[in-house]
Protein backbone atom coordinates (compact mmCIF):
# COMPACT_ATOMS: atom_id res chain seq x y z
CA MET A 1 0.12 -0.09 0.36
CA PRO A 2 1.78 3.06 -0.99
CA ARG A 3 2.92 5.17 2.28
CA VAL A 4 0.20 8.29 2.58
CA SER A 5 1.90 11.80 3.23
CA TYR A 6 1.50 13.66 6.92
CA GLN A 7 -1.32 16.02 6.64
CA ASN A 8 -1.65 19.39 8.55
CA GLY A 9 -5.31 19.90 7.49
CA CYS A 10 -6.61 22.62 7.08
CA VAL A 11 -8.82 25.06 10.24
CA PHE A 12 -11.18 27.75 9.11
CA ARG A 13 -14.18 28.78 10.60
CA ARG A 14 -17.75 28.93 10.11
CA GLN A 15 -19.94 31.49 10.85
CA HIS A 16 -23.24 31.07 12.61
CA ALA A 17 -27.11 32.76 12.32
CA THR A 18 -27.25 32.09 15.89
CA GLY A 19 -24.93 31.10 18.89
CA PRO A 20 -21.04 32.24 17.92
CA ASP A 21 -18.99 30.83 15.36
CA THR A 22 -17.44 27.90 15.93
CA TRP A 23 -14.12 26.22 14.22
CA SER A 24 -13.96 23.20 12.49
CA PHE A 25 -10.79 21.55 11.31
CA ARG A 26 -11.29 19.75 7.41
CA TRP A 27 -8.87 16.42 6.04
CA ARG A 28 -9.01 13.93 3.28
CA GLU A 29 -8.52 10.49 4.38
CA PRO A 30 -9.13 7.19 2.49
CA GLY A 31 -12.01 5.72 1.65
CA PRO A 32 -13.75 2.13 1.60
CA ASP A 33 -13.63 2.15 -2.59
CA GLY A 34 -9.97 3.75 -1.95
CA THR A 35 -10.46 7.10 -3.61
CA SER A 36 -10.20 10.31 -0.93
CA VAL A 37 -12.86 11.22 1.25
CA GLN A 38 -13.08 14.84 2.83
CA ARG A 39 -13.76 14.71 6.71
CA SER A 40 -14.11 17.68 8.28
CA GLN A 41 -15.15 17.56 12.68
CA THR A 42 -16.25 20.41 14.85
CA ILE A 43 -13.12 22.17 17.19
CA GLY A 44 -15.27 24.31 19.50
CA THR A 45 -16.18 28.31 18.94
CA VAL A 46 -14.41 31.60 19.28
CA ASP A 47 -15.20 32.04 22.91
CA GLN A 48 -13.19 28.42 23.32
CA TYR A 49 -10.46 29.97 20.92
CA PRO A 50 -10.06 33.41 19.60
CA ASN A 51 -8.09 33.46 16.78
CA LYS A 52 -7.06 30.72 14.42
CA ALA A 53 -3.57 30.23 16.12
CA ASP A 54 -5.16 29.09 19.08
CA ALA A 55 -7.77 26.91 16.93
CA GLN A 56 -4.50 25.18 15.42
CA ARG A 57 -3.43 24.34 18.90
CA ALA A 58 -6.45 22.50 20.12
CA VAL A 59 -6.77 20.62 16.53
CA GLU A 60 -3.32 18.79 17.15
CA SER A 61 -5.00 16.04 18.82
CA LEU A 62 -7.55 15.01 16.07
CA ARG A 63 -4.43 15.45 13.77
CA LEU A 64 -1.83 12.95 15.80
CA GLU A 65 -5.27 10.56 15.85
CA ILE A 66 -5.95 11.27 11.96
CA ASN A 67 -2.08 10.54 11.21
CA ALA A 68 -1.59 7.21 13.40
CA SER A 69 -2.71 5.52 10.88
CA PRO A 70 -0.12 2.35 10.06
CA GLU A 71 -0.27 4.14 6.18
CA VAL A 72 0.88 7.47 7.74
CA VAL A 73 4.54 8.29 7.73
CA LYS A 74 5.84 8.57 11.50
CA ILE A 75 4.62 11.53 13.09
CA PRO A 76 7.09 14.38 14.30
CA PRO A 77 7.82 13.92 18.22
CA MET A 78 5.15 15.96 19.87
CA THR A 79 6.78 19.29 21.46
CA VAL A 80 5.86 20.82 24.78
CA ALA A 81 3.55 23.49 22.66
CA ASP A 82 1.98 20.50 20.78
CA ALA A 83 1.25 18.87 23.99
CA TRP A 84 -0.64 21.91 25.32
CA GLY A 85 -2.88 22.06 22.59
CA HIS A 86 -3.97 18.29 23.13
CA PHE A 87 -4.37 19.28 27.12
CA GLN A 88 -6.75 22.82 25.77
CA ALA A 89 -8.46 20.81 23.71
CA ASN A 90 -9.38 17.29 25.68
CA GLU A 91 -8.96 18.19 29.20
CA LEU A 92 -8.33 22.27 30.08
CA ARG A 93 -12.43 22.95 29.88
CA ASP A 94 -13.61 19.47 30.65
CA PRO A 95 -16.99 19.58 32.36
CA GLU A 96 -16.10 15.65 34.57
CA ILE A 97 -12.57 17.71 35.69
CA ASP A 98 -14.80 21.31 36.61
CA ARG A 99 -12.27 22.91 36.83
CA SER A 100 -13.42 26.90 38.03
CA PRO A 101 -12.51 29.97 35.50
CA THR A 102 -9.90 31.38 37.69
CA THR A 103 -7.86 28.47 37.14
CA ILE A 104 -8.50 27.93 33.85
CA LEU A 105 -7.19 31.63 33.68
CA ASN A 106 -4.58 30.97 35.83
CA TYR A 107 -3.65 27.68 33.55
CA LEU A 108 -3.65 30.01 30.31
CA THR A 109 -1.52 33.07 31.61
CA CYS A 110 1.35 30.71 33.07
CA PHE A 111 1.48 28.98 30.07
CA LYS A 112 1.57 31.99 27.76
CA ALA A 113 3.72 34.26 30.64
CA GLN A 114 6.13 32.05 31.67
CA ILE A 115 6.08 27.62 30.26
CA LEU A 116 6.22 28.49 26.05
CA PRO A 117 8.14 30.85 26.03
CA ARG A 118 11.62 28.68 27.20
CA TRP A 119 9.53 24.85 26.20
CA ALA A 120 7.58 25.70 23.48
CA SER A 121 9.34 23.99 20.80
CA THR A 122 11.08 21.72 23.05
CA LYS A 123 9.81 17.77 22.50
CA LEU A 124 8.76 16.55 25.24
CA ILE A 125 11.17 13.98 25.05
CA ASP A 126 13.93 15.99 25.74
CA VAL A 127 12.34 17.56 28.64
CA LYS A 128 14.97 16.75 31.50
CA ALA A 129 14.09 17.30 35.59
CA LEU A 130 17.64 19.49 35.67
CA ALA A 131 16.95 21.59 32.64
CA VAL A 132 13.68 22.34 34.66
CA GLU A 133 15.20 23.06 38.07
CA LYS A 134 17.63 25.51 36.66
CA TRP A 135 15.07 27.22 34.65
CA LEU A 136 12.99 27.22 37.81
CA ARG A 137 15.87 28.64 39.81
CA GLY A 138 16.49 31.36 37.58
CA LEU A 139 13.25 32.99 37.48
CA ASP A 140 12.56 35.70 39.47
CA MET A 141 9.24 35.18 41.16
CA ALA A 142 8.52 33.80 44.55
CA PRO A 143 9.13 29.77 45.59
CA GLY A 144 5.50 29.59 45.51
CA SER A 145 4.51 30.66 41.91
CA LYS A 146 7.59 28.72 40.74
CA ALA A 147 5.71 26.08 42.58
CA LYS A 148 3.29 26.60 40.73
CA LEU A 149 4.36 26.69 37.29
CA LYS A 150 6.18 23.11 38.49
CA GLY A 151 2.36 21.73 39.28
CA LEU A 152 0.94 22.78 36.03
CA LEU A 153 4.05 21.16 34.04
CA SER A 154 3.59 18.23 35.87
CA ALA A 155 0.16 18.29 34.82
CA LEU A 156 0.83 18.66 31.40
CA PHE A 157 3.04 15.41 31.18
CA ARG A 158 0.28 13.10 33.31
CA HIS A 159 -2.07 14.48 30.53
CA CYS A 160 0.21 13.08 27.93
CA ILE A 161 0.85 9.89 29.37
CA ARG A 162 -2.85 9.22 30.40
CA HIS A 163 -3.41 9.31 26.43
CA GLU A 164 -0.44 7.54 25.20
CA LEU A 165 1.14 10.69 23.77
CA TYR A 166 4.53 10.32 26.51
CA ASP A 167 5.25 6.29 27.37
CA LYS A 168 8.25 7.30 29.89
CA GLN A 169 8.04 8.56 32.74
CA ASN A 170 6.75 12.14 33.97
CA PRO A 171 10.49 14.09 34.25
CA ILE A 172 8.89 17.00 36.36
CA GLN A 173 8.52 14.18 39.39
CA THR A 174 12.20 13.99 40.04
CA VAL A 175 12.34 18.12 39.71
CA ARG A 176 13.07 19.85 43.22
CA GLN A 177 11.31 23.25 43.79
CA GLY A 178 9.78 23.84 47.77
CA ALA A 179 7.02 26.58 47.90
CA LYS A 180 8.84 27.42 51.08
CA ARG A 181 7.79 31.44 52.12
CA GLN A 182 10.74 33.30 51.35
CA LYS A 183 9.73 35.45 54.95
CA ASP A 184 6.44 35.04 57.79
CA PRO A 185 3.43 36.74 56.54
CA ASP A 186 2.52 39.91 58.67
CA VAL A 187 -0.07 39.79 61.49
CA LEU A 188 -2.16 42.12 63.60
CA THR A 189 -2.55 41.86 67.31
CA MET A 190 -5.95 42.84 68.68
CA ASP A 191 -5.23 46.66 69.52
CA GLU A 192 -3.92 47.05 65.97
CA MET A 193 -7.47 45.74 64.24
CA LYS A 194 -9.21 48.20 66.97
CA SER A 195 -7.30 51.30 66.04
CA LEU A 196 -7.05 50.11 62.37
CA LEU A 197 -11.56 50.04 62.23
CA ILE A 198 -11.87 53.34 64.03
CA HIS A 199 -9.85 54.62 61.21
CA ILE A 200 -11.58 53.63 57.93
CA ILE A 201 -14.20 55.87 56.91
CA LEU A 202 -15.91 54.10 54.58
CA LEU A 203 -18.96 51.91 56.39
CA ALA A 204 -18.83 49.52 53.64
CA ALA A 205 -15.23 48.89 54.20
CA GLN A 206 -15.46 48.97 58.64
CA VAL A 207 -17.69 46.02 57.76
CA MET A 208 -15.57 44.01 55.50
CA VAL A 209 -12.80 44.03 57.78
CA SER A 210 -14.75 43.39 60.84
CA VAL A 211 -16.08 40.16 58.75
CA VAL A 212 -12.81 39.25 57.60
CA ALA A 213 -11.10 39.75 61.01
CA ALA A 214 -13.35 37.76 62.97
CA SER A 215 -14.45 34.67 60.49
CA GLY A 216 -11.20 33.68 58.90
CA LEU A 217 -13.69 33.73 55.81
CA ARG A 218 -11.12 34.18 52.20
CA ARG A 219 -11.14 37.75 50.24
CA SER A 220 -13.22 36.00 47.40
CA GLU A 221 -15.60 33.68 49.73
CA MET A 222 -16.64 37.32 51.41
CA PHE A 223 -17.00 39.53 47.98
CA GLY A 224 -19.20 36.11 46.81
CA LEU A 225 -21.75 36.72 49.77
CA LYS A 226 -25.39 37.44 49.06
CA TRP A 227 -27.86 38.31 51.93
CA GLU A 228 -29.32 34.63 51.34
CA ASP A 229 -26.12 32.95 52.21
CA LEU A 230 -26.21 34.61 55.28
CA ASP A 231 -28.46 33.01 58.70
CA LEU A 232 -27.96 36.76 60.86
CA GLU A 233 -30.24 35.19 63.38
CA LYS A 234 -28.79 31.24 64.19
CA CYS A 235 -25.23 33.29 63.24
CA TRP A 236 -24.26 30.88 60.58
CA PHE A 237 -22.50 31.68 57.24
CA HIS A 238 -23.85 29.52 54.13
CA CYS A 239 -20.72 30.58 51.41
CA LYS A 240 -22.05 29.34 48.08
CA ARG A 241 -19.44 31.17 45.70
CA GLY A 242 -16.44 33.13 45.87
CA LEU A 243 -15.64 36.29 43.47
CA VAL A 244 -12.22 36.78 41.87
CA GLY A 245 -12.33 39.55 39.52
CA MET A 246 -15.10 39.52 37.63
CA ASN A 247 -15.54 35.32 37.88
CA GLN A 248 -18.08 33.90 39.82
CA THR A 249 -15.78 30.18 41.24
CA LYS A 250 -16.26 27.76 42.95
CA MET A 251 -15.49 27.27 47.27
CA LYS A 252 -11.71 26.54 47.55
CA THR A 253 -12.14 22.58 49.06
CA ILE A 254 -14.50 20.38 50.01
CA ALA A 255 -13.81 22.03 53.72
CA SER A 256 -14.67 25.66 52.65
CA ARG A 257 -18.02 24.68 50.80
CA LYS A 258 -19.40 23.23 54.54
CA SER A 259 -21.30 26.28 56.58
CA CYS A 260 -19.37 28.27 59.34
CA GLU A 261 -20.02 29.73 62.93
CA MET A 262 -20.97 33.43 62.61
CA ASN A 263 -19.89 35.63 66.03
CA PRO A 264 -22.94 37.12 67.48
CA ALA A 265 -21.35 40.32 67.81
CA LEU A 266 -20.69 40.37 63.96
CA ALA A 267 -24.14 39.58 63.03
CA GLU A 268 -25.27 42.25 64.87
CA ILE A 269 -22.90 44.28 62.62
CA LEU A 270 -24.24 42.83 59.85
CA ILE A 271 -28.39 43.44 60.95
CA ALA A 272 -27.19 46.98 60.77
CA TRP A 273 -25.30 46.98 57.59
CA ARG A 274 -27.96 45.74 55.89
CA GLU A 275 -30.70 48.74 57.12
CA LYS A 276 -28.15 50.84 56.06
CA THR A 277 -27.12 49.21 52.52
CA PRO A 278 -29.72 50.49 49.41
CA TYR A 279 -29.22 47.12 48.22
CA PRO A 280 -30.34 44.35 51.51
CA GLU A 281 -32.99 42.22 49.10
CA ASP A 282 -31.85 38.40 49.55
CA SER A 283 -30.13 38.38 45.77
CA ASP A 284 -28.13 41.62 46.81
CA TRP A 285 -24.24 41.18 47.07
CA VAL A 286 -23.73 41.70 50.89
CA PHE A 287 -20.94 44.30 49.92
CA ALA A 288 -22.75 45.61 47.01
CA SER A 289 -20.96 48.65 45.49
CA PRO A 290 -23.45 51.44 44.34
CA HIS A 291 -20.86 52.48 41.68
CA THR A 292 -22.01 49.63 39.30
CA ASN A 293 -25.51 50.30 40.65
CA GLY A 294 -25.75 47.00 42.99
CA GLU A 295 -24.88 44.29 40.07
CA ARG A 296 -21.51 44.16 41.34
CA PRO A 297 -19.45 44.09 44.94
CA TYR A 298 -16.77 47.13 45.62
CA TRP A 299 -13.30 46.14 43.96
CA PRO A 300 -11.90 44.52 46.94
CA ASP A 301 -8.06 46.04 45.59
CA SER A 302 -9.84 49.39 46.04
CA ILE A 303 -11.38 48.90 49.01
CA LEU A 304 -7.76 47.56 49.95
CA LYS A 305 -5.65 50.85 48.61
CA ASN A 306 -8.29 53.04 49.26
CA HIS A 307 -9.47 52.82 53.11
CA VAL A 308 -7.85 49.91 54.50
CA ARG A 309 -4.17 51.08 53.97
CA LYS A 310 -4.88 54.44 54.45
CA ALA A 311 -6.39 53.93 58.09
CA ALA A 312 -3.71 51.84 59.06
CA LYS A 313 -0.99 54.52 57.93
CA LEU A 314 -2.92 57.32 59.76
CA VAL A 315 -2.30 54.85 62.91
CA GLY A 316 0.96 53.79 62.34
CA ILE A 317 0.69 50.47 61.14
CA LYS A 318 3.79 49.67 59.52
CA LYS A 319 3.41 46.07 58.35
CA MET A 320 1.92 45.14 54.73
CA ILE A 321 -1.48 44.99 55.14
CA GLY A 322 -3.53 42.60 52.18
CA TRP A 323 -7.36 40.64 52.86
CA HIS A 324 -5.50 37.59 53.64
CA THR A 325 -3.54 39.28 56.60
CA PHE A 326 -6.95 39.26 58.44
CA ARG A 327 -7.07 35.50 58.36
CA HIS A 328 -3.43 35.10 59.12
CA SER A 329 -4.48 37.26 62.56
CA LEU A 330 -7.11 35.25 63.34
CA GLY A 331 -5.15 31.70 63.27
CA THR A 332 -2.36 33.02 65.01
CA PHE A 333 -3.96 34.70 67.87
CA MET A 334 -6.39 31.94 68.26
CA GLY A 335 -3.32 29.73 68.19
CA ASN A 336 -1.54 32.55 70.84
CA GLU A 337 -4.78 31.83 73.62
CA GLY A 338 -4.68 28.43 73.44
CA GLU A 339 -7.47 27.16 71.32
CA ASN A 340 -6.92 23.59 69.98
CA ILE A 341 -5.37 23.68 66.64
CA LYS A 342 -8.66 20.68 64.97
CA THR A 343 -11.12 23.65 65.99
CA VAL A 344 -9.20 26.76 64.63
CA GLN A 345 -8.57 24.39 61.04
CA GLU A 346 -11.91 24.12 61.08
CA LEU A 347 -12.71 27.73 61.64
CA LEU A 348 -10.88 28.61 58.78
CA ARG A 349 -11.35 25.81 57.22
CA HIS A 350 -8.44 24.64 55.89
CA ALA A 351 -7.69 21.16 54.38
CA SER A 352 -4.30 20.88 54.41
CA PRO A 353 -3.68 16.58 54.67
CA LYS A 354 -0.96 17.06 57.63
CA ILE A 355 -2.98 18.99 60.10
CA THR A 356 -5.62 16.59 59.26
CA ALA A 357 -3.41 13.39 59.95
CA GLU A 358 -2.21 14.41 63.48
CA LEU A 359 -5.26 14.93 64.54
CA TYR A 360 -8.67 12.88 64.93
CA GLN A 361 -10.56 15.00 67.67
CA GLN A 362 -13.44 17.03 66.10
CA GLY A 363 -13.29 20.71 67.12
CA ASP A 364 -17.48 21.02 68.12
CA THR A 365 -19.80 23.74 67.27
CA ALA A 366 -19.66 25.37 70.94
CA THR A 367 -16.18 25.52 70.73
CA LYS A 368 -15.30 27.04 67.99
CA ARG A 369 -18.46 29.81 68.95
CA SER A 370 -16.52 30.22 72.34
CA ALA A 371 -13.26 30.47 70.48
CA LEU A 372 -15.14 33.33 68.53
CA ASP A 373 -16.65 35.16 71.12
CA ARG A 374 -12.83 36.32 71.77
CA MET A 375 -13.10 38.47 68.84
CA SER A 376 -15.79 40.34 70.16
CA GLY A 377 -13.63 42.81 71.26
CA ILE A 378 -12.81 44.41 68.06
CA PHE A 379 -16.80 45.30 68.01
CA VAL A 380 -16.85 48.07 70.23
CA VAL A 381 -15.08 51.01 68.87
CA GLN A 382 -16.67 49.50 65.52
CA ALA A 383 -20.28 49.42 66.54
CA LYS A 384 -20.31 53.10 67.78
CA ALA A 385 -18.89 54.07 64.73
CA SER A 386 -21.39 52.80 62.80
């Protein structure tokens, strides 16, 4: 049988009267009678692949299958860029894996900005652990960020192994790259938090700081709160979503999806805030911004820069304050007060396997409420200011 040449095929755009345009791939293959038959297959929408170059990368998996026939010449060894195209087409947005929009964006950003500029044209078989280690060490990034890049590369190789595109051991498994912080995060004392609160002028920002300081909610969880998620009578948070940038996300871990206790004093603060906000309906955001007529919450970075850090400067706090600072401060304060580590873990809804493996007792609701009562001191001044 004559040998068939390697086919690149043709990627083209189909227009649709309703719905977004789609990208399709056209190629030829031998038919039952030996004649050449034209085939085509839809790749995805222009929303998924904004330009032709993206669609070309996404179709690589199909191109590999077409050229895998015994009659076809051996395909060139797969490069990292080829593998990334296959990953995008088959796994990145797979509904079974159910990655959040922010996770998908993280993959796209890291591959475009960091991984592909160095490794795009490198064949998978030429990616070696020592070379990856050297590359990571040369990056001007925090250890945690380097560890994330290592994790993404490892996920790419695992994908290729699952799809039988790579038949060797994952080379990233032996790459040494820690995620240890370069310095411990700053934490605030009780006095610093009280002083900070009294100098925050915007009431909405004042309430936000009260929430994160006395609950341990993550930034995305707090800004993703709607009034229907709060049980202010029985003092519970029922976090159902996160909000990162313009994207709603799922809760970070299984532990994060559990309802968590609310300090009764904090419930009173939130009740007072609901009476004052122009957006008090169950379906409204708890911290809906008047700048968007309540359609979106306040922008976290703007609140932090224009109100929280400004107040910190006024009272002479020189520590670097972010939204996560209050979560660290809560955990540190409770630890210093001798609270059971399991209680603190469950309050922060942290899913670290190292902690759960070492502890077996459960922190019950009464114990966690008692622990939260230690934070009531920060509401004294804040409640008067409201």
